[in-house]
């Protein structure tokens, strides 16, 4: 039977604890990444909607000006 020195045992405990901390850290980072990614997607959709809305207003203004010039 092999007897381990206390320093080996402490190293193994520290390594296992370190692994858990790293795993928790990665989970937290991924959660933050997913949150930021979702927020960016929402902002892009809002920008696209506003851009399309602006294009629609420009189109409507052009139609009004064309109607006004054709009535004169």
N, C-alpha and C. Protein backbone atom coordinates (compact mmCIF):
# COMPACT_ATOMS: atom_id res chain seq x y z
N UNK A 1 0.83 -1.18 0.00
CA UNK A 1 0.00 0.00 0.00
C UNK A 1 0.88 1.25 0.00
N UNK A 2 0.50 2.20 -0.84
CA UNK A 2 1.29 3.42 -0.96
C UNK A 2 0.69 4.49 -0.06
N UNK A 3 1.52 5.16 0.67
CA UNK A 3 1.09 6.23 1.58
C UNK A 3 1.43 7.55 0.92
N UNK A 4 0.43 8.41 0.83
CA UNK A 4 0.66 9.73 0.23
C UNK A 4 1.03 10.73 1.31
N UNK A 5 1.87 11.61 0.95
CA UNK A 5 2.25 12.67 1.88
C UNK A 5 1.11 13.67 1.96
N UNK A 6 0.99 14.39 3.06
CA UNK A 6 -0.09 15.39 3.20
C UNK A 6 -0.04 16.46 2.11
N UNK A 7 1.14 16.82 1.64
CA UNK A 7 1.23 17.87 0.62
C UNK A 7 0.57 17.41 -0.68
N UNK A 8 0.65 16.14 -1.01
CA UNK A 8 0.01 15.61 -2.20
C UNK A 8 -1.50 15.68 -2.06
N UNK A 9 -1.99 15.33 -0.88
CA UNK A 9 -3.42 15.38 -0.61
C UNK A 9 -3.94 16.82 -0.69
N UNK A 10 -3.21 17.75 -0.10
CA UNK A 10 -3.61 19.17 -0.14
C UNK A 10 -3.61 19.66 -1.58
N UNK A 11 -2.61 19.26 -2.36
CA UNK A 11 -2.54 19.66 -3.77
C UNK A 11 -3.76 19.16 -4.53
N UNK A 12 -4.14 17.91 -4.28
CA UNK A 12 -5.31 17.36 -4.97
C UNK A 12 -6.58 18.08 -4.58
N UNK A 13 -6.75 18.42 -3.32
CA UNK A 13 -7.92 19.17 -2.87
C UNK A 13 -7.93 20.55 -3.50
N UNK A 14 -6.77 21.22 -3.50
CA UNK A 14 -6.67 22.55 -4.09
C UNK A 14 -6.99 22.51 -5.59
N UNK A 15 -6.46 21.50 -6.27
CA UNK A 15 -6.70 21.37 -7.71
C UNK A 15 -8.18 21.15 -7.99
N UNK A 16 -8.82 20.29 -7.21
CA UNK A 16 -10.25 20.03 -7.40
C UNK A 16 -11.05 21.29 -7.12
N UNK A 17 -10.71 22.01 -6.08
CA UNK A 17 -11.40 23.26 -5.76
C UNK A 17 -11.18 24.31 -6.82
N UNK A 18 -9.97 24.36 -7.34
CA UNK A 18 -9.63 25.30 -8.40
C UNK A 18 -10.45 25.00 -9.66
N UNK A 19 -10.59 23.72 -9.95
CA UNK A 19 -11.36 23.31 -11.11
C UNK A 19 -12.82 23.76 -10.97
N UNK A 20 -13.39 23.59 -9.77
CA UNK A 20 -14.77 24.02 -9.54
C UNK A 20 -14.90 25.53 -9.69
N UNK A 21 -13.92 26.28 -9.17
CA UNK A 21 -13.97 27.74 -9.30
C UNK A 21 -13.88 28.15 -10.77
N UNK A 22 -13.00 27.48 -11.50
CA UNK A 22 -12.85 27.78 -12.93
C UNK A 22 -14.14 27.44 -13.68
N UNK A 23 -14.74 26.33 -13.34
CA UNK A 23 -15.99 25.91 -13.97
C UNK A 23 -17.09 26.93 -13.70
N UNK A 24 -17.19 27.40 -12.46
CA UNK A 24 -18.18 28.42 -12.11
C UNK A 24 -17.90 29.73 -12.85
N UNK A 25 -16.61 30.08 -12.96
CA UNK A 25 -16.22 31.29 -13.66
C UNK A 25 -16.64 31.23 -15.12
N UNK A 26 -16.39 30.09 -15.75
CA UNK A 26 -16.75 29.91 -17.16
C UNK A 26 -18.27 29.97 -17.33
N UNK A 27 -19.01 29.35 -16.42
CA UNK A 27 -20.48 29.40 -16.49
C UNK A 27 -20.96 30.84 -16.39
N UNK A 28 -20.38 31.60 -15.47
CA UNK A 28 -20.78 33.00 -15.29
C UNK A 28 -20.46 33.82 -16.54
N UNK A 29 -19.27 33.60 -17.11
CA UNK A 29 -18.89 34.31 -18.33
C UNK A 29 -19.83 33.98 -19.48
N UNK A 30 -20.18 32.71 -19.63
CA UNK A 30 -21.09 32.30 -20.70
C UNK A 30 -22.47 32.91 -20.51
N UNK A 31 -22.92 32.96 -19.26
CA UNK A 31 -24.22 33.56 -18.98
C UNK A 31 -24.20 35.04 -19.36
N UNK A 32 -23.12 35.74 -18.99
CA UNK A 32 -22.99 37.15 -19.35
C UNK A 32 -22.91 37.32 -20.87
N UNK A 33 -22.17 36.43 -21.54
CA UNK A 33 -22.05 36.49 -22.99
C UNK A 33 -23.41 36.32 -23.65
N UNK A 34 -24.18 35.34 -23.18
CA UNK A 34 -25.51 35.11 -23.76
C UNK A 34 -26.41 36.31 -23.54
N UNK A 35 -26.31 36.93 -22.37
CA UNK A 35 -27.13 38.10 -22.07
C UNK A 35 -26.76 39.27 -22.99
N UNK A 36 -25.48 39.52 -23.12
CA UNK A 36 -25.02 40.61 -23.99
C UNK A 36 -25.39 40.32 -25.44
N UNK A 37 -25.23 39.08 -25.86
CA UNK A 37 -25.56 38.70 -27.23
C UNK A 37 -27.05 38.92 -27.50
N UNK A 38 -27.90 38.55 -26.55
CA UNK A 38 -29.34 38.75 -26.71
C UNK A 38 -29.67 40.23 -26.78
N UNK A 39 -29.01 41.04 -25.93
CA UNK A 39 -29.24 42.48 -25.95
C UNK A 39 -28.81 43.09 -27.29
N UNK A 40 -27.69 42.62 -27.83
CA UNK A 40 -27.24 43.13 -29.12
C UNK A 40 -28.22 42.77 -30.24
N UNK A 41 -28.75 41.56 -30.19
CA UNK A 41 -29.73 41.15 -31.20
C UNK A 41 -30.97 42.04 -31.13
N UNK A 42 -31.40 42.33 -29.92
CA UNK A 42 -32.57 43.21 -29.75
C UNK A 42 -32.28 44.59 -30.29
N UNK A 43 -31.10 45.13 -29.99
CA UNK A 43 -30.74 46.46 -30.49
C UNK A 43 -30.67 46.47 -32.02
N UNK A 44 -30.12 45.42 -32.61
CA UNK A 44 -30.05 45.34 -34.08
C UNK A 44 -31.45 45.31 -34.69
N UNK A 45 -32.35 44.56 -34.06
CA UNK A 45 -33.72 44.51 -34.57
C UNK A 45 -34.39 45.87 -34.44
N UNK A 46 -34.17 46.55 -33.32
CA UNK A 46 -34.74 47.89 -33.14
C UNK A 46 -34.21 48.84 -34.20
N UNK A 47 -32.88 48.78 -34.43
CA UNK A 47 -32.27 49.64 -35.45
C UNK A 47 -32.84 49.34 -36.83
N UNK A 48 -33.02 48.06 -37.14
CA UNK A 48 -33.58 47.68 -38.45
C UNK A 48 -35.01 48.19 -38.59
N UNK A 49 -35.78 48.09 -37.53
CA UNK A 49 -37.17 48.57 -37.56
C UNK A 49 -37.20 50.08 -37.75
N UNK A 50 -36.35 50.79 -37.00
CA UNK A 50 -36.31 52.25 -37.14
C UNK A 50 -35.85 52.65 -38.52
N UNK A 51 -34.87 51.92 -39.06
CA UNK A 51 -34.38 52.22 -40.40
C UNK A 51 -35.49 52.00 -41.43
N UNK A 52 -36.19 50.90 -41.30
CA UNK A 52 -37.30 50.63 -42.22
C UNK A 52 -38.40 51.65 -42.06
N UNK A 53 -38.67 52.04 -40.83
CA UNK A 53 -39.70 53.04 -40.57
C UNK A 53 -39.32 54.37 -41.21
N UNK A 54 -38.03 54.72 -41.08
CA UNK A 54 -37.56 55.95 -41.71
C UNK A 54 -37.69 55.89 -43.22
N UNK A 55 -37.41 54.75 -43.80
CA UNK A 55 -37.53 54.59 -45.25
C UNK A 55 -38.99 54.72 -45.67
N UNK A 56 -39.87 54.18 -44.88
CA UNK A 56 -41.30 54.27 -45.19
C UNK A 56 -41.75 55.72 -45.15
N UNK A 57 -41.30 56.46 -44.14
CA UNK A 57 -41.68 57.87 -44.04
C UNK A 57 -41.14 58.66 -45.23
N UNK A 58 -39.90 58.38 -45.63
CA UNK A 58 -39.35 59.06 -46.81
C UNK A 58 -40.17 58.73 -48.04
N UNK A 59 -40.57 57.49 -48.20
CA UNK A 59 -41.37 57.06 -49.33
C UNK A 59 -42.72 57.77 -49.32
N UNK A 60 -43.36 57.83 -48.13
CA UNK A 60 -44.65 58.51 -48.02
C UNK A 60 -44.51 60.00 -48.35
N UNK A 61 -43.41 60.62 -47.88
CA UNK A 61 -43.19 62.05 -48.18
C UNK A 61 -43.00 62.26 -49.68
N UNK A 62 -42.28 61.35 -50.33
CA UNK A 62 -42.09 61.46 -51.77
C UNK A 62 -43.43 61.32 -52.50
N UNK A 63 -44.26 60.39 -52.05
CA UNK A 63 -45.57 60.23 -52.68
C UNK A 63 -46.41 61.49 -52.51
N UNK A 64 -46.38 62.08 -51.33
CA UNK A 64 -47.14 63.31 -51.07
C UNK A 64 -46.65 64.44 -51.96
N UNK A 65 -45.32 64.56 -52.08
CA UNK A 65 -44.79 65.65 -52.90
C UNK A 65 -45.12 65.42 -54.38
N UNK A 66 -45.10 64.16 -54.82
CA UNK A 66 -45.47 63.87 -56.20
C UNK A 66 -46.95 64.15 -56.44
N UNK A 67 -47.79 63.78 -55.47
CA UNK A 67 -49.23 64.05 -55.60
C UNK A 67 -49.48 65.55 -55.64
N UNK A 68 -48.73 66.29 -54.79
CA UNK A 68 -48.91 67.74 -54.74
C UNK A 68 -48.47 68.40 -56.05
N UNK A 69 -47.40 67.90 -56.64
CA UNK A 69 -46.90 68.50 -57.87
C UNK A 69 -47.77 68.10 -59.07
N UNK A 70 -48.42 66.96 -59.02
CA UNK A 70 -49.25 66.55 -60.12
C UNK A 70 -50.61 67.28 -60.09
N UNK A 71 -51.04 67.73 -58.91
CA UNK A 71 -52.32 68.47 -58.80
C UNK A 71 -52.14 69.89 -59.30
N UNK A 72 -50.94 70.43 -59.24
CA UNK A 72 -50.74 71.84 -59.62
C UNK A 72 -50.81 72.07 -61.08
